[in-house]
C-alpha atoms as a PDB file:
ATOM      1  CA  MET A   1       0.000   0.000   0.000  1.00  0.00           C
ATOM      2  CA  ALA A   2       1.449   3.279  -1.101  1.00  0.00           C
ATOM      3  CA  ILE A   3       0.961   6.751   0.252  1.00  0.00           C
ATOM      4  CA  LYS A   4      -0.657   8.932  -2.410  1.00  0.00           C
ATOM      5  CA  THR A   5      -0.200  12.689  -2.592  1.00  0.00           C
ATOM      6  CA  THR A   6      -2.180  14.843  -4.996  1.00  0.00           C
ATOM      7  CA  LYS A   7      -1.780  18.538  -5.696  1.00  0.00           C
ATOM      8  CA  THR A   8      -4.525  20.834  -6.945  1.00  0.00           C
ATOM      9  CA  LEU A   9      -4.696  24.547  -7.650  1.00  0.00           C
ATOM     10  CA  ARG A  10      -7.595  26.382  -6.018  1.00  0.00           C
ATOM     11  CA  LEU A  11      -8.582  29.680  -7.626  1.00  0.00           C
ATOM     12  CA  SER A  12     -10.672  31.785  -5.257  1.00  0.00           C
ATOM     13  CA  PHE A  13     -13.063  34.473  -6.469  1.00  0.00           C
ATOM     14  CA  ARG A  14     -15.774  36.778  -5.165  1.00  0.00           C
ATOM     15  CA  SER A  15     -19.106  36.628  -6.988  1.00  0.00           C
ATOM     16  CA  SER A  16     -20.987  39.746  -8.076  1.00  0.00           C
ATOM     17  CA  GLU A  17     -23.092  39.256  -4.918  1.00  0.00           C
ATOM     18  CA  GLY A  18     -19.943  39.351  -2.758  1.00  0.00           C
ATOM     19  CA  LYS A  19     -19.946  35.636  -1.922  1.00  0.00           C
ATOM     20  CA  SER A  20     -16.761  33.542  -1.945  1.00  0.00           C
ATOM     21  CA  THR A  21     -16.462  30.838  -4.587  1.00  0.00           C
ATOM     22  CA  SER A  22     -13.638  28.771  -6.017  1.00  0.00           C
ATOM     23  CA  MET A  23     -12.545  26.782  -9.021  1.00  0.00           C
ATOM     24  CA  ILE A  24     -10.305  23.760  -8.394  1.00  0.00           C
ATOM     25  CA  LEU A  25      -7.914  22.569 -11.106  1.00  0.00           C
ATOM     26  CA  ALA A  26      -6.735  18.997 -10.630  1.00  0.00           C
ATOM     27  CA  ASN A  27      -3.987  18.896 -13.252  1.00  0.00           C
ATOM     28  CA  ALA A  28      -2.453  22.359 -13.004  1.00  0.00           C
ATOM     29  CA  ALA A  29       1.261  22.820 -13.588  1.00  0.00           C
ATOM     30  CA  ASP A  30       3.470  23.099 -10.513  1.00  0.00           C
ATOM     31  CA  ASN A  31       4.973  26.382  -9.335  1.00  0.00           C
ATOM     32  CA  LEU A  32       3.124  28.735 -11.666  1.00  0.00           C
ATOM     33  CA  PRO A  33       4.172  32.369 -11.185  1.00  0.00           C
ATOM     34  CA  ALA A  34       1.653  34.586  -9.393  1.00  0.00           C
ATOM     35  CA  ASP A  35       1.381  37.046 -12.303  1.00  0.00           C
ATOM     36  CA  LYS A  36       0.405  34.281 -14.750  1.00  0.00           C
ATOM     37  CA  VAL A  37      -2.169  32.791 -12.377  1.00  0.00           C
ATOM     38  CA  LYS A  38      -3.672  36.194 -11.592  1.00  0.00           C
ATOM     39  CA  GLY A  39      -3.720  37.055 -15.310  1.00  0.00           C
ATOM     40  CA  ALA A  40      -5.581  33.826 -16.090  1.00  0.00           C
ATOM     41  CA  MET A  41      -8.022  34.517 -13.265  1.00  0.00           C
ATOM     42  CA  ASN A  42      -8.646  38.023 -14.626  1.00  0.00           C
ATOM     43  CA  LYS A  43      -9.418  36.493 -18.040  1.00  0.00           C
ATOM     44  CA  ILE A  44     -11.869  34.067 -16.423  1.00  0.00           C
ATOM     45  CA  SER A  45     -13.650  36.865 -14.567  1.00  0.00           C
ATOM     46  CA  GLY A  46     -13.587  39.183 -17.589  1.00  0.00           C
ATOM     47  CA  ALA A  47     -15.102  36.578 -19.912  1.00  0.00           C
ATOM     48  CA  ASN A  48     -18.439  36.685 -18.009  1.00  0.00           C
ATOM     49  CA  VAL A  49     -19.312  33.156 -19.107  1.00  0.00           C
ATOM     50  CA  PHE A  50     -19.926  31.731 -15.643  1.00  0.00           C
ATOM     51  CA  GLU A  51     -23.273  33.122 -14.579  1.00  0.00           C
ATOM     52  CA  LYS A  52     -26.246  31.710 -12.718  1.00  0.00           C
ATOM     53  CA  ASP A  53     -29.551  33.519 -12.236  1.00  0.00           C
ATOM     54  CA  GLY A  54     -27.966  36.801 -13.296  1.00  0.00           C
ATOM     55  CA  VAL A  55     -25.072  36.491 -10.816  1.00  0.00           C
ATOM     56  CA  ALA A  56     -21.478  36.452 -12.098  1.00  0.00           C
ATOM     57  CA  ILE A  57     -19.960  33.512 -10.206  1.00  0.00           C
ATOM     58  CA  TYR A  58     -16.292  34.421 -10.800  1.00  0.00           C
ATOM     59  CA  ALA A  59     -16.513  38.226 -10.784  1.00  0.00           C
ATOM     60  CA  GLU A  60     -13.308  39.152  -8.916  1.00  0.00           C
ATOM     61  CA  PRO A  61     -10.124  37.112  -8.278  1.00  0.00           C
ATOM     62  CA  THR A  62      -9.172  37.054  -4.589  1.00  0.00           C
ATOM     63  CA  ALA A  63      -6.511  34.317  -4.113  1.00  0.00           C
ATOM     64  CA  ALA A  64      -4.829  31.244  -5.575  1.00  0.00           C
ATOM     65  CA  ASN A  65      -3.412  28.349  -3.552  1.00  0.00           C
ATOM     66  CA  TYR A  66      -1.853  24.990  -4.196  1.00  0.00           C
ATOM     67  CA  ILE A  67      -3.524  22.350  -2.043  1.00  0.00           C
ATOM     68  CA  GLU A  68      -1.667  19.120  -1.283  1.00  0.00           C
ATOM     69  CA  ARG A  69      -3.614  16.105  -0.084  1.00  0.00           C
ATOM     70  CA  THR A  70      -1.897  13.008   1.274  1.00  0.00           C
ATOM     71  CA  VAL A  71      -3.783   9.740   1.665  1.00  0.00           C
ATOM     72  CA  THR A  72      -2.150   7.162   3.912  1.00  0.00           C
ATOM     73  CA  PRO A  73      -3.929   3.807   3.721  1.00  0.00           C
ATOM     74  CA  VAL A  74      -4.517   1.870   6.918  1.00  0.00           C
ATOM     75  CA  PHE A  75      -5.738  -1.200   5.039  1.00  0.00           C
ATOM     76  CA  ASP A  76      -7.137  -1.929   1.592  1.00  0.00           C
ATOM     77  CA  ASP A  77      -8.997  -5.164   0.952  1.00  0.00           C
ATOM     78  CA  SER A  78     -10.645  -3.910  -2.241  1.00  0.00           C
ATOM     79  CA  GLU A  79      -8.347  -5.925  -4.509  1.00  0.00           C
ATOM     80  CA  ALA A  80      -8.783  -9.062  -2.399  1.00  0.00           C
ATOM     81  CA  GLU A  81     -12.566  -8.831  -2.717  1.00  0.00           C
ATOM     82  CA  VAL A  82     -12.343  -8.652  -6.503  1.00  0.00           C
ATOM     83  CA  LYS A  83     -10.075 -11.718  -6.657  1.00  0.00           C
ATOM     84  CA  ASP A  84     -12.357 -13.667  -4.289  1.00  0.00           C
ATOM     85  CA  ALA A  85     -15.395 -12.850  -6.439  1.00  0.00           C
ATOM     86  CA  GLU A  86     -13.822 -14.337  -9.575  1.00  0.00           C
END
């Protein structure tokens, strides 16, 4: 059983109603420079394509963070169950 670590990029925005919202990118490149990320976020907010009930969901970029998640298995019998079923 191997420890699995995944890294995602969370782009945080404020909606046109002032509520916090985010977009999570699972396969983003590592160590992107802040100016490129902020520029991409400005393009997303400027495109005005993400709207629901007249509210711009990604109206204003507020932050960007890499999130690392580590999963350490305690046990995993899932493969054993498949072999037993055959």
